[in-house]
Amino acid sequence: MASFLFIDTSAAVATIALHQKGLPLLQLHHHQAMEQASVLSLLIEELCQKANISLAKLSAICVCAGPGSYTGLRVGLSTAKGIAYALDIPLLLFNRLDLLAAASAPGRELAVVLQARKEEYFLAHYAADRSLVLDHQHVFAADLATLLPASVPVLCDHPLPAALPNQQLVFDAQNGISIPHWLPLAEARYAAADFDDTAYSEPFYLKAAYTTLPKPR
């Protein structure tokens, strides 16, 4: 029976979860984003102790690889890679936009829009069956009205520009990804042996890091 470790450090709240077939899902959360690098391994150890399972019994590591906090994504993915390497088990990366869409009720189109910076967003548009209509991308506020039909509701973590006529479904970005909705996606990929390359996988940044040139001396 497959056992999955889930890691989500894409937002302010880190979520760690463990699923063993036939047993209750176990989860831990940490609410201090600046501490994720120092506590993530400790949270995983605590979770395994509560579940009475060793890391060696895991079948795969599932990680939310972004978009989101640059530092958080690197912390989560590097930890997941380390465990996957050490145990020689599969690594499965998931896009945060897809996971949020999967947690919403199917049956109608949906766009997921997350704020990247002021007037900048991460966007994906999904059909009623949650297949992609518009692929994951980084856009500017001025592009939203052009890219999103007015009839498509938008799941967003911040209120969008008032000029956008879409119905806005604003959610609390402090909450982590819904593991019960993530689990079926993980099980399907595991069954299909649809794994990511542990050596070369990178976070889904979707945009370059914001950097500045050093001041001349």
N, C-alpha and C. Protein backbone atom coordinates (compact mmCIF):
# COMPACT_ATOMS: atom_id res chain seq x y z
N MET A 1 0.84 -1.19 0.00
CA MET A 1 0.00 0.00 0.00
C MET A 1 0.88 1.24 0.00
N ALA A 2 0.55 2.20 -0.85
CA ALA A 2 1.37 3.40 -1.01
C ALA A 2 1.21 4.33 0.18
N SER A 3 2.33 4.91 0.58
CA SER A 3 2.34 5.93 1.63
C SER A 3 2.98 7.19 1.06
N PHE A 4 2.30 8.33 1.21
CA PHE A 4 2.76 9.57 0.62
C PHE A 4 3.07 10.61 1.70
N LEU A 5 4.18 11.30 1.53
CA LEU A 5 4.48 12.47 2.34
C LEU A 5 4.22 13.70 1.48
N PHE A 6 3.42 14.64 1.99
CA PHE A 6 3.08 15.87 1.28
C PHE A 6 3.79 17.04 1.94
N ILE A 7 4.38 17.91 1.12
CA ILE A 7 5.08 19.09 1.61
C ILE A 7 4.58 20.31 0.85
N ASP A 8 4.08 21.30 1.57
CA ASP A 8 3.66 22.56 0.96
C ASP A 8 4.24 23.72 1.75
N THR A 9 5.24 24.36 1.18
CA THR A 9 5.83 25.55 1.78
C THR A 9 5.73 26.73 0.81
N SER A 10 4.68 26.73 0.00
CA SER A 10 4.53 27.76 -1.03
C SER A 10 3.93 29.05 -0.49
N ALA A 11 3.37 29.01 0.71
CA ALA A 11 2.70 30.19 1.28
C ALA A 11 3.18 30.40 2.71
N ALA A 12 2.49 31.28 3.41
CA ALA A 12 2.93 31.66 4.76
C ALA A 12 2.85 30.49 5.74
N VAL A 13 1.88 29.62 5.55
CA VAL A 13 1.70 28.48 6.44
C VAL A 13 2.26 27.23 5.78
N ALA A 14 3.23 26.59 6.42
CA ALA A 14 3.77 25.33 5.92
C ALA A 14 2.83 24.19 6.33
N THR A 15 2.55 23.30 5.38
CA THR A 15 1.69 22.15 5.65
C THR A 15 2.45 20.89 5.32
N ILE A 16 2.51 19.97 6.27
CA ILE A 16 3.13 18.67 6.09
C ILE A 16 2.06 17.63 6.38
N ALA A 17 1.93 16.64 5.51
CA ALA A 17 0.89 15.63 5.72
C ALA A 17 1.41 14.26 5.34
N LEU A 18 0.83 13.26 5.96
CA LEU A 18 1.22 11.87 5.71
C LEU A 18 -0.03 11.05 5.47
N HIS A 19 -0.02 10.33 4.35
CA HIS A 19 -1.15 9.45 4.03
C HIS A 19 -0.66 8.02 3.93
N GLN A 20 -1.31 7.15 4.70
CA GLN A 20 -1.11 5.72 4.59
C GLN A 20 -2.45 5.08 4.26
N LYS A 21 -2.47 4.24 3.26
CA LYS A 21 -3.72 3.65 2.79
C LYS A 21 -4.49 3.00 3.94
N GLY A 22 -5.75 3.37 4.08
CA GLY A 22 -6.59 2.77 5.10
C GLY A 22 -6.49 3.40 6.46
N LEU A 23 -5.59 4.40 6.61
CA LEU A 23 -5.43 5.06 7.90
C LEU A 23 -5.79 6.54 7.78
N PRO A 24 -6.16 7.19 8.88
CA PRO A 24 -6.52 8.61 8.82
C PRO A 24 -5.34 9.45 8.33
N LEU A 25 -5.67 10.49 7.59
CA LEU A 25 -4.66 11.43 7.12
C LEU A 25 -4.15 12.24 8.31
N LEU A 26 -2.84 12.38 8.43
CA LEU A 26 -2.22 13.17 9.49
C LEU A 26 -1.61 14.42 8.89
N GLN A 27 -1.81 15.56 9.56
CA GLN A 27 -1.27 16.82 9.07
C GLN A 27 -0.67 17.62 10.21
N LEU A 28 0.35 18.41 9.87
CA LEU A 28 0.92 19.40 10.78
C LEU A 28 1.05 20.71 10.02
N HIS A 29 0.91 21.82 10.75
CA HIS A 29 1.03 23.14 10.15
C HIS A 29 2.01 23.98 10.97
N HIS A 30 2.73 24.83 10.27
CA HIS A 30 3.62 25.77 10.96
C HIS A 30 3.34 27.17 10.41
N HIS A 31 3.06 28.12 11.31
CA HIS A 31 2.54 29.42 10.90
C HIS A 31 3.58 30.53 10.83
N GLN A 32 4.84 30.20 10.99
CA GLN A 32 5.89 31.21 10.89
C GLN A 32 6.72 30.96 9.64
N ALA A 33 6.44 31.73 8.59
CA ALA A 33 7.09 31.49 7.30
C ALA A 33 8.60 31.61 7.38
N MET A 34 9.12 32.52 8.22
CA MET A 34 10.55 32.73 8.31
C MET A 34 11.28 31.55 8.97
N GLU A 35 10.54 30.64 9.58
CA GLU A 35 11.15 29.51 10.29
C GLU A 35 11.09 28.21 9.50
N GLN A 36 10.53 28.23 8.30
CA GLN A 36 10.30 26.99 7.57
C GLN A 36 11.58 26.19 7.36
N ALA A 37 12.67 26.87 7.01
CA ALA A 37 13.93 26.16 6.75
C ALA A 37 14.43 25.41 7.98
N SER A 38 14.22 25.99 9.15
CA SER A 38 14.76 25.40 10.38
C SER A 38 13.83 24.35 10.99
N VAL A 39 12.55 24.38 10.67
CA VAL A 39 11.62 23.47 11.34
C VAL A 39 11.07 22.36 10.44
N LEU A 40 11.27 22.46 9.13
CA LEU A 40 10.61 21.51 8.22
C LEU A 40 11.01 20.07 8.51
N SER A 41 12.28 19.81 8.66
CA SER A 41 12.73 18.44 8.95
C SER A 41 12.20 17.95 10.30
N LEU A 42 12.13 18.86 11.27
CA LEU A 42 11.60 18.49 12.58
C LEU A 42 10.11 18.15 12.49
N LEU A 43 9.37 18.89 11.66
CA LEU A 43 7.95 18.60 11.48
C LEU A 43 7.74 17.24 10.83
N ILE A 44 8.58 16.92 9.86
CA ILE A 44 8.47 15.62 9.19
C ILE A 44 8.77 14.49 10.18
N GLU A 45 9.79 14.69 11.00
CA GLU A 45 10.12 13.68 12.02
C GLU A 45 8.97 13.52 13.01
N GLU A 46 8.39 14.62 13.44
CA GLU A 46 7.25 14.55 14.38
C GLU A 46 6.07 13.84 13.76
N LEU A 47 5.82 14.12 12.49
CA LEU A 47 4.68 13.50 11.81
C LEU A 47 4.88 11.99 11.71
N CYS A 48 6.08 11.57 11.37
CA CYS A 48 6.36 10.13 11.25
C CYS A 48 6.22 9.44 12.61
N GLN A 49 6.63 10.13 13.67
CA GLN A 49 6.49 9.55 15.01
C GLN A 49 5.02 9.39 15.37
N LYS A 50 4.20 10.40 15.05
CA LYS A 50 2.78 10.30 15.35
C LYS A 50 2.11 9.19 14.56
N ALA A 51 2.58 8.96 13.34
CA ALA A 51 2.00 7.93 12.49
C ALA A 51 2.62 6.55 12.74
N ASN A 52 3.68 6.53 13.57
CA ASN A 52 4.41 5.28 13.84
C ASN A 52 4.91 4.66 12.55
N ILE A 53 5.53 5.47 11.72
CA ILE A 53 6.07 5.00 10.45
C ILE A 53 7.45 5.62 10.26
N SER A 54 8.37 4.87 9.69
CA SER A 54 9.69 5.41 9.40
C SER A 54 9.70 5.96 7.98
N LEU A 55 10.62 6.89 7.72
CA LEU A 55 10.73 7.44 6.38
C LEU A 55 10.98 6.34 5.35
N ALA A 56 11.64 5.28 5.75
CA ALA A 56 11.96 4.18 4.83
C ALA A 56 10.71 3.50 4.28
N LYS A 57 9.57 3.68 4.94
CA LYS A 57 8.33 3.05 4.50
C LYS A 57 7.55 3.90 3.50
N LEU A 58 8.04 5.11 3.22
CA LEU A 58 7.33 5.98 2.29
C LEU A 58 7.43 5.47 0.86
N SER A 59 6.37 5.70 0.09
CA SER A 59 6.35 5.29 -1.32
C SER A 59 6.75 6.41 -2.25
N ALA A 60 6.43 7.67 -1.87
CA ALA A 60 6.74 8.82 -2.73
C ALA A 60 6.64 10.09 -1.92
N ILE A 61 7.32 11.13 -2.42
CA ILE A 61 7.27 12.46 -1.82
C ILE A 61 6.53 13.38 -2.79
N CYS A 62 5.51 14.06 -2.30
CA CYS A 62 4.72 14.98 -3.11
C CYS A 62 4.96 16.40 -2.60
N VAL A 63 5.31 17.30 -3.48
CA VAL A 63 5.64 18.66 -3.05
C VAL A 63 4.91 19.67 -3.92
N CYS A 64 4.35 20.69 -3.27
CA CYS A 64 3.77 21.82 -4.00
C CYS A 64 4.93 22.72 -4.39
N ALA A 65 5.23 22.76 -5.69
CA ALA A 65 6.44 23.41 -6.18
C ALA A 65 6.22 24.84 -6.66
N GLY A 66 5.08 25.42 -6.34
CA GLY A 66 4.83 26.81 -6.69
C GLY A 66 3.77 26.95 -7.77
N PRO A 67 3.55 28.21 -8.15
CA PRO A 67 4.26 29.42 -7.74
C PRO A 67 3.93 29.83 -6.30
N GLY A 68 4.81 30.67 -5.77
CA GLY A 68 4.63 31.12 -4.40
C GLY A 68 5.90 31.78 -3.89
N SER A 69 6.10 31.70 -2.60
CA SER A 69 7.27 32.28 -1.96
C SER A 69 8.54 31.64 -2.50
N TYR A 70 9.44 32.45 -3.05
CA TYR A 70 10.67 31.91 -3.62
C TYR A 70 11.45 31.09 -2.59
N THR A 71 11.63 31.67 -1.40
CA THR A 71 12.38 30.97 -0.36
C THR A 71 11.65 29.71 0.08
N GLY A 72 10.35 29.81 0.29
CA GLY A 72 9.57 28.66 0.70
C GLY A 72 9.64 27.52 -0.31
N LEU A 73 9.56 27.86 -1.59
CA LEU A 73 9.61 26.82 -2.62
C LEU A 73 10.95 26.10 -2.61
N ARG A 74 12.03 26.85 -2.45
CA ARG A 74 13.35 26.22 -2.42
C ARG A 74 13.51 25.33 -1.19
N VAL A 75 12.99 25.79 -0.06
CA VAL A 75 13.08 24.99 1.17
C VAL A 75 12.32 23.68 1.01
N GLY A 76 11.09 23.78 0.52
CA GLY A 76 10.26 22.59 0.38
C GLY A 76 10.82 21.60 -0.62
N LEU A 77 11.24 22.09 -1.78
CA LEU A 77 11.71 21.18 -2.82
C LEU A 77 13.07 20.57 -2.45
N SER A 78 13.96 21.35 -1.86
CA SER A 78 15.26 20.79 -1.48
C SER A 78 15.10 19.70 -0.42
N THR A 79 14.17 19.91 0.51
CA THR A 79 13.90 18.88 1.52
C THR A 79 13.32 17.63 0.87
N ALA A 80 12.36 17.82 -0.03
CA ALA A 80 11.74 16.69 -0.73
C ALA A 80 12.77 15.93 -1.55
N LYS A 81 13.65 16.66 -2.24
CA LYS A 81 14.69 16.01 -3.04
C LYS A 81 15.63 15.19 -2.15
N GLY A 82 16.01 15.77 -1.03
CA GLY A 82 16.92 15.06 -0.14
C GLY A 82 16.35 13.73 0.34
N ILE A 83 15.07 13.74 0.71
CA ILE A 83 14.43 12.50 1.17
C ILE A 83 14.30 11.51 0.02
N ALA A 84 13.87 12.00 -1.14
CA ALA A 84 13.70 11.12 -2.30
C ALA A 84 15.01 10.48 -2.71
N TYR A 85 16.09 11.26 -2.70
CA TYR A 85 17.42 10.72 -3.01
C TYR A 85 17.83 9.66 -2.00
N ALA A 86 17.71 10.00 -0.74
CA ALA A 86 18.18 9.10 0.31
C ALA A 86 17.43 7.77 0.31
N LEU A 87 16.14 7.82 0.03
CA LEU A 87 15.31 6.62 0.08
C LEU A 87 15.14 5.95 -1.28
N ASP A 88 15.60 6.65 -2.35
CA ASP A 88 15.44 6.15 -3.71
C ASP A 88 13.96 5.88 -4.02
N ILE A 89 13.15 6.89 -3.73
CA ILE A 89 11.72 6.80 -4.03
C ILE A 89 11.32 7.97 -4.94
N PRO A 90 10.17 7.88 -5.60
CA PRO A 90 9.78 8.89 -6.57
C PRO A 90 9.48 10.25 -5.94
N LEU A 91 9.70 11.28 -6.75
CA LEU A 91 9.36 12.66 -6.40
C LEU A 91 8.28 13.14 -7.35
N LEU A 92 7.22 13.73 -6.80
CA LEU A 92 6.11 14.23 -7.61
C LEU A 92 5.91 15.70 -7.30
N LEU A 93 6.08 16.55 -8.31
CA LEU A 93 5.86 17.99 -8.17
C LEU A 93 4.47 18.36 -8.65
N PHE A 94 3.82 19.26 -7.92
CA PHE A 94 2.49 19.72 -8.29
C PHE A 94 2.46 21.24 -8.31
N ASN A 95 1.69 21.79 -9.26
CA ASN A 95 1.56 23.23 -9.38
C ASN A 95 0.48 23.72 -8.43
N ARG A 96 0.78 24.78 -7.70
CA ARG A 96 -0.17 25.31 -6.71
C ARG A 96 -1.48 25.76 -7.35
N LEU A 97 -1.42 26.32 -8.54
CA LEU A 97 -2.64 26.74 -9.22
C LEU A 97 -3.54 25.54 -9.49
N ASP A 98 -2.94 24.42 -9.93
CA ASP A 98 -3.71 23.21 -10.19
C ASP A 98 -4.34 22.67 -8.91
N LEU A 99 -3.58 22.71 -7.82
CA LEU A 99 -4.09 22.17 -6.56
C LEU A 99 -5.25 23.01 -6.02
N LEU A 100 -5.17 24.31 -6.18
CA LEU A 100 -6.28 25.18 -5.76
C LEU A 100 -7.51 24.94 -6.63
N ALA A 101 -7.29 24.76 -7.93
CA ALA A 101 -8.42 24.48 -8.81
C ALA A 101 -9.07 23.14 -8.47
N ALA A 102 -8.26 22.14 -8.14
CA ALA A 102 -8.78 20.82 -7.81
C ALA A 102 -9.63 20.85 -6.54
N ALA A 103 -9.34 21.80 -5.64
CA ALA A 103 -10.09 21.89 -4.38
C ALA A 103 -11.41 22.63 -4.54
N SER A 104 -11.65 23.23 -5.70
CA SER A 104 -12.91 23.92 -5.95
C SER A 104 -13.89 22.98 -6.64
N ALA A 105 -15.17 23.26 -6.48
CA ALA A 105 -16.20 22.38 -7.04
C ALA A 105 -16.11 22.35 -8.56
N PRO A 106 -16.05 21.15 -9.16
CA PRO A 106 -16.01 21.06 -10.62
C PRO A 106 -17.38 21.34 -11.21
N GLY A 107 -17.46 21.33 -12.53
CA GLY A 107 -18.74 21.53 -13.20
C GLY A 107 -18.86 22.84 -13.91
N ARG A 108 -17.92 23.75 -13.71
CA ARG A 108 -17.90 25.01 -14.45
C ARG A 108 -16.46 25.48 -14.59
N GLU A 109 -16.24 26.32 -15.57
CA GLU A 109 -14.90 26.86 -15.77
C GLU A 109 -14.47 27.66 -14.55
N LEU A 110 -13.16 27.79 -14.41
CA LEU A 110 -12.60 28.52 -13.27
C LEU A 110 -11.22 29.04 -13.65
N ALA A 111 -10.93 30.25 -13.21
CA ALA A 111 -9.57 30.78 -13.31
C ALA A 111 -9.02 30.92 -11.90
N VAL A 112 -7.74 30.62 -11.74
CA VAL A 112 -7.06 30.83 -10.46
C VAL A 112 -6.04 31.94 -10.68
N VAL A 113 -6.11 32.97 -9.86
CA VAL A 113 -5.22 34.13 -10.00
C VAL A 113 -4.62 34.43 -8.63
N LEU A 114 -3.29 34.34 -8.54
CA LEU A 114 -2.58 34.61 -7.30
C LEU A 114 -1.70 35.84 -7.49
N GLN A 115 -1.63 36.68 -6.48
CA GLN A 115 -0.81 37.88 -6.59
C GLN A 115 0.67 37.51 -6.49
N ALA A 116 1.45 37.98 -7.46
CA ALA A 116 2.90 37.77 -7.46
C ALA A 116 3.59 38.96 -6.81
N ARG A 117 3.31 40.16 -7.31
CA ARG A 117 3.73 41.43 -6.76
C ARG A 117 2.60 42.41 -7.04
N LYS A 118 2.76 43.64 -6.62
CA LYS A 118 1.75 44.63 -6.92
C LYS A 118 1.56 44.74 -8.43
N GLU A 119 0.31 44.60 -8.87
CA GLU A 119 -0.06 44.67 -10.28
C GLU A 119 0.51 43.52 -11.11
N GLU A 120 0.96 42.44 -10.46
CA GLU A 120 1.45 41.26 -11.16
C GLU A 120 0.80 40.02 -10.57
N TYR A 121 0.51 39.04 -11.45
CA TYR A 121 -0.26 37.87 -11.01
C TYR A 121 0.24 36.59 -11.66
N PHE A 122 -0.05 35.46 -10.99
CA PHE A 122 0.09 34.14 -11.57
C PHE A 122 -1.32 33.69 -11.97
N LEU A 123 -1.44 33.15 -13.16
CA LEU A 123 -2.77 32.88 -13.71
C LEU A 123 -2.81 31.52 -14.39
N ALA A 124 -3.94 30.82 -14.25
CA ALA A 124 -4.27 29.65 -15.06
C ALA A 124 -5.79 29.60 -15.19
N HIS A 125 -6.26 29.14 -16.34
CA HIS A 125 -7.69 29.07 -16.64
C HIS A 125 -8.02 27.60 -16.91
N TYR A 126 -9.07 27.10 -16.23
CA TYR A 126 -9.41 25.67 -16.28
C TYR A 126 -10.82 25.47 -16.84
N ALA A 127 -10.98 24.38 -17.58
CA ALA A 127 -12.30 23.97 -18.05
C ALA A 127 -13.08 23.35 -16.89
N ALA A 128 -14.33 22.98 -17.15
CA ALA A 128 -15.17 22.42 -16.09
C ALA A 128 -14.59 21.13 -15.52
N ASP A 129 -13.84 20.37 -16.34
CA ASP A 129 -13.24 19.13 -15.86
C ASP A 129 -11.85 19.34 -15.29
N ARG A 130 -11.44 20.60 -15.17
CA ARG A 130 -10.16 21.04 -14.61
C ARG A 130 -8.96 20.78 -15.53
N SER A 131 -9.24 20.51 -16.81
CA SER A 131 -8.16 20.54 -17.78
C SER A 131 -7.83 22.00 -18.09
N LEU A 132 -6.61 22.26 -18.55
CA LEU A 132 -6.17 23.63 -18.76
C LEU A 132 -6.72 24.22 -20.06
N VAL A 133 -7.31 25.40 -19.92
CA VAL A 133 -7.70 26.19 -21.08
C VAL A 133 -6.58 27.18 -21.40
N LEU A 134 -6.02 27.78 -20.36
CA LEU A 134 -4.91 28.73 -20.48
C LEU A 134 -3.84 28.29 -19.50
N ASP A 135 -2.65 28.01 -20.01
CA ASP A 135 -1.58 27.44 -19.19
C ASP A 135 -1.10 28.41 -18.11
N HIS A 136 -0.43 27.86 -17.10
CA HIS A 136 0.12 28.65 -16.01
C HIS A 136 1.06 29.72 -16.56
N GLN A 137 0.89 30.95 -16.10
CA GLN A 137 1.74 32.03 -16.58
C GLN A 137 1.75 33.21 -15.63
N HIS A 138 2.74 34.07 -15.82
CA HIS A 138 2.85 35.31 -15.07
C HIS A 138 2.33 36.43 -15.96
N VAL A 139 1.40 37.25 -15.41
CA VAL A 139 0.80 38.32 -16.21
C VAL A 139 0.75 39.60 -15.38
N PHE A 140 0.47 40.70 -16.07
CA PHE A 140 0.29 41.98 -15.40
C PHE A 140 -1.20 42.29 -15.29
N ALA A 141 -1.53 43.19 -14.39
CA ALA A 141 -2.94 43.50 -14.12
C ALA A 141 -3.68 43.89 -15.38
N ALA A 142 -3.01 44.64 -16.26
CA ALA A 142 -3.66 45.11 -17.49
C ALA A 142 -4.03 43.97 -18.42
N ASP A 143 -3.39 42.80 -18.24
CA ASP A 143 -3.66 41.66 -19.13
C ASP A 143 -4.87 40.83 -18.71
N LEU A 144 -5.29 40.96 -17.46
CA LEU A 144 -6.31 40.05 -16.94
C LEU A 144 -7.63 40.14 -17.71
N ALA A 145 -8.10 41.35 -17.96
CA ALA A 145 -9.38 41.51 -18.64
C ALA A 145 -9.32 40.95 -20.05
N THR A 146 -8.17 41.00 -20.67
CA THR A 146 -8.02 40.47 -22.03
C THR A 146 -7.99 38.95 -22.03
N LEU A 147 -7.34 38.37 -21.03
CA LEU A 147 -7.14 36.92 -21.01
C LEU A 147 -8.33 36.15 -20.44
N LEU A 148 -9.12 36.80 -19.58
CA LEU A 148 -10.20 36.08 -18.90
C LEU A 148 -11.57 36.52 -19.40
N PRO A 149 -12.35 35.61 -20.00
CA PRO A 149 -13.73 35.94 -20.36
C PRO A 149 -14.52 36.34 -19.12
N ALA A 150 -15.41 37.30 -19.26
CA ALA A 150 -16.15 37.83 -18.10
C ALA A 150 -17.01 36.77 -17.44
N SER A 151 -17.36 35.72 -18.17
CA SER A 151 -18.24 34.68 -17.62
C SER A 151 -17.51 33.71 -16.70
N VAL A 152 -16.19 33.78 -16.66
CA VAL A 152 -15.40 32.81 -15.89
C VAL A 152 -15.16 33.34 -14.47
N PRO A 153 -15.62 32.63 -13.44
CA PRO A 153 -15.33 33.07 -12.07
C PRO A 153 -13.84 32.93 -11.77
N VAL A 154 -13.35 33.77 -10.86
CA VAL A 154 -11.92 33.81 -10.56
C VAL A 154 -11.71 33.51 -9.08
N LEU A 155 -10.92 32.48 -8.82
CA LEU A 155 -10.48 32.17 -7.45
C LEU A 155 -9.18 32.93 -7.22
N CYS A 156 -9.16 33.83 -6.24
CA CYS A 156 -8.00 34.70 -6.07
C CYS A 156 -7.69 34.87 -4.58
N ASP A 157 -6.41 35.21 -4.32
CA ASP A 157 -5.98 35.39 -2.94
C ASP A 157 -6.00 36.86 -2.52
N HIS A 158 -6.24 37.76 -3.46
CA HIS A 158 -6.40 39.19 -3.19
C HIS A 158 -7.50 39.72 -4.10
N PRO A 159 -8.27 40.70 -3.67
CA PRO A 159 -9.25 41.30 -4.58
C PRO A 159 -8.55 41.83 -5.83
N LEU A 160 -9.14 41.54 -6.99
CA LEU A 160 -8.54 41.94 -8.26
C LEU A 160 -9.02 43.33 -8.65
N PRO A 161 -8.41 43.92 -9.68
CA PRO A 161 -8.82 45.27 -10.10
C PRO A 161 -10.33 45.37 -10.32
N ALA A 162 -10.89 46.46 -9.86
CA ALA A 162 -12.34 46.65 -9.92
C ALA A 162 -12.86 46.61 -11.35
N ALA A 163 -12.02 46.92 -12.30
CA ALA A 163 -12.45 46.93 -13.70
C ALA A 163 -12.68 45.53 -14.25
N LEU A 164 -12.19 44.51 -13.57
CA LEU A 164 -12.38 43.14 -14.03
C LEU A 164 -13.80 42.71 -13.69
N PRO A 165 -14.63 42.35 -14.69
CA PRO A 165 -16.04 42.09 -14.43
C PRO A 165 -16.33 40.70 -13.87
N ASN A 166 -15.32 39.85 -13.75
CA ASN A 166 -15.55 38.48 -13.31
C ASN A 166 -16.01 38.39 -11.86
N GLN A 167 -16.77 37.34 -11.57
CA GLN A 167 -17.10 37.03 -10.19
C GLN A 167 -15.82 36.62 -9.48
N GLN A 168 -15.53 37.23 -8.34
CA GLN A 168 -14.29 36.95 -7.62
C GLN A 168 -14.58 36.12 -6.36
N LEU A 169 -13.87 35.02 -6.23
CA LEU A 169 -14.00 34.14 -5.09
C LEU A 169 -12.71 34.25 -4.28
N VAL A 170 -12.67 35.19 -3.36
CA VAL A 170 -11.44 35.48 -2.63
C VAL A 170 -11.29 34.50 -1.46
N PHE A 171 -10.13 33.83 -1.40
CA PHE A 171 -9.90 32.86 -0.32
C PHE A 171 -8.76 33.35 0.56
N ASP A 172 -8.63 32.74 1.73
CA ASP A 172 -7.60 33.11 2.69
C ASP A 172 -6.28 32.45 2.29
N ALA A 173 -5.36 33.23 1.80
CA ALA A 173 -4.09 32.70 1.31
C ALA A 173 -3.22 32.15 2.44
N GLN A 174 -3.57 32.43 3.70
CA GLN A 174 -2.79 31.92 4.82
C GLN A 174 -2.95 30.41 4.97
N ASN A 175 -4.06 29.88 4.47
CA ASN A 175 -4.31 28.45 4.60
C ASN A 175 -3.50 27.66 3.59
N GLY A 176 -3.07 26.48 3.97
CA GLY A 176 -2.31 25.64 3.06
C GLY A 176 -3.19 24.95 2.04
N ILE A 177 -2.56 24.18 1.18
CA ILE A 177 -3.27 23.42 0.16
C ILE A 177 -4.12 22.33 0.83
N SER A 178 -5.29 22.05 0.27
CA SER A 178 -6.16 21.00 0.79
C SER A 178 -5.59 19.63 0.45
N ILE A 179 -5.10 18.92 1.45
CA ILE A 179 -4.49 17.62 1.21
C ILE A 179 -5.52 16.59 0.72
N PRO A 180 -6.75 16.55 1.26
CA PRO A 180 -7.73 15.58 0.74
C PRO A 180 -8.01 15.75 -0.75
N HIS A 181 -7.92 16.98 -1.28
CA HIS A 181 -8.11 17.17 -2.71
C HIS A 181 -6.82 16.90 -3.49
N TRP A 182 -5.69 17.03 -2.83
CA TRP A 182 -4.40 16.75 -3.45
C TRP A 182 -4.18 15.25 -3.60
N LEU A 183 -4.64 14.49 -2.62
CA LEU A 183 -4.37 13.06 -2.55
C LEU A 183 -4.78 12.29 -3.82
N PRO A 184 -6.00 12.47 -4.37
CA PRO A 184 -6.35 11.72 -5.58
C PRO A 184 -5.43 12.01 -6.76
N LEU A 185 -4.94 13.25 -6.86
CA LEU A 185 -4.01 13.59 -7.93
C LEU A 185 -2.69 12.85 -7.74
N ALA A 186 -2.25 12.77 -6.49
CA ALA A 186 -1.01 12.05 -6.20
C ALA A 186 -1.15 10.56 -6.48
N GLU A 187 -2.27 9.99 -6.07
CA GLU A 187 -2.49 8.55 -6.29
C GLU A 187 -2.55 8.23 -7.78
N ALA A 188 -3.18 9.10 -8.56
CA ALA A 188 -3.28 8.86 -10.00
C ALA A 188 -1.90 8.91 -10.66
N ARG A 189 -1.09 9.89 -10.29
CA ARG A 189 0.24 9.99 -10.88
C ARG A 189 1.14 8.85 -10.43
N TYR A 190 1.01 8.44 -9.19
CA TYR A 190 1.82 7.33 -8.69
C TYR A 190 1.46 6.04 -9.43
N ALA A 191 0.16 5.81 -9.62
CA ALA A 191 -0.29 4.60 -10.32
C ALA A 191 0.20 4.58 -11.76
N ALA A 192 0.31 5.77 -12.38
CA ALA A 192 0.77 5.88 -13.76
C ALA A 192 2.28 5.99 -13.88
N ALA A 193 2.98 5.93 -12.74
CA ALA A 193 4.44 6.11 -12.70
C ALA A 193 4.85 7.41 -13.37
N ASP A 194 4.06 8.45 -13.15
CA ASP A 194 4.33 9.77 -13.72
C ASP A 194 5.14 10.58 -12.70
N PHE A 195 6.44 10.33 -12.68
CA PHE A 195 7.31 10.91 -11.67
C PHE A 195 8.15 12.05 -12.27
N ASP A 196 8.64 12.92 -11.40
CA ASP A 196 9.53 13.99 -11.82
C ASP A 196 10.98 13.57 -11.60
N ASP A 197 11.86 14.22 -12.34
CA ASP A 197 13.29 13.94 -12.24
C ASP A 197 13.83 14.56 -10.95
N THR A 198 14.30 13.72 -10.06
CA THR A 198 14.75 14.22 -8.76
C THR A 198 15.95 15.15 -8.91
N ALA A 199 16.82 14.85 -9.85
CA ALA A 199 18.04 15.65 -10.00
C ALA A 199 17.78 17.03 -10.59
N TYR A 200 16.89 17.10 -11.58
CA TYR A 200 16.76 18.33 -12.36
C TYR A 200 15.47 19.11 -12.13
N SER A 201 14.62 18.64 -11.26
CA SER A 201 13.38 19.36 -10.98
C SER A 201 13.66 20.70 -10.33
N GLU A 202 12.91 21.70 -10.73
CA GLU A 202 13.03 23.04 -10.16
C GLU A 202 11.65 23.55 -9.77
N PRO A 203 11.59 24.52 -8.85
CA PRO A 203 10.28 25.10 -8.50
C PRO A 203 9.61 25.76 -9.70
N PHE A 204 8.29 25.86 -9.63
CA PHE A 204 7.52 26.54 -10.67
C PHE A 204 7.48 28.03 -10.32
N TYR A 205 8.55 28.73 -10.61
CA TYR A 205 8.60 30.15 -10.27
C TYR A 205 7.64 30.96 -11.15
N LEU A 206 7.58 30.65 -12.44
CA LEU A 206 6.76 31.33 -13.45
C LEU A 206 7.25 32.74 -13.78
N LYS A 207 8.13 33.30 -12.97
CA LYS A 207 8.70 34.61 -13.27
C LYS A 207 10.09 34.68 -12.66
N ALA A 208 10.93 35.52 -13.27
CA ALA A 208 12.28 35.66 -12.76
C ALA A 208 12.27 36.37 -11.41
N ALA A 209 13.25 36.07 -10.60
CA ALA A 209 13.38 36.75 -9.30
C ALA A 209 13.62 38.24 -9.52
N TYR A 210 13.08 39.06 -8.62
CA TYR A 210 13.28 40.51 -8.70
C TYR A 210 14.63 40.84 -8.08
N THR A 211 15.52 41.37 -8.90
CA THR A 211 16.86 41.69 -8.41
C THR A 211 17.22 43.11 -8.81
N THR A 212 18.17 43.68 -8.13
CA THR A 212 18.66 45.01 -8.45
C THR A 212 20.16 44.96 -8.60
N LEU A 213 20.71 45.87 -9.38
CA LEU A 213 22.15 45.96 -9.57
C LEU A 213 22.79 46.58 -8.32
N PRO A 214 23.98 46.13 -7.97
CA PRO A 214 24.64 46.72 -6.79
C PRO A 214 24.97 48.19 -7.06
N LYS A 215 24.92 48.97 -6.02
CA LYS A 215 25.25 50.39 -6.16
C LYS A 215 26.75 50.55 -6.42
N PRO A 216 27.12 51.46 -7.32
CA PRO A 216 28.55 51.68 -7.59
C PRO A 216 29.25 52.23 -6.35
N ARG A 217 30.44 51.80 -6.13
CA ARG A 217 31.20 52.24 -4.96
C ARG A 217 31.93 53.56 -5.26
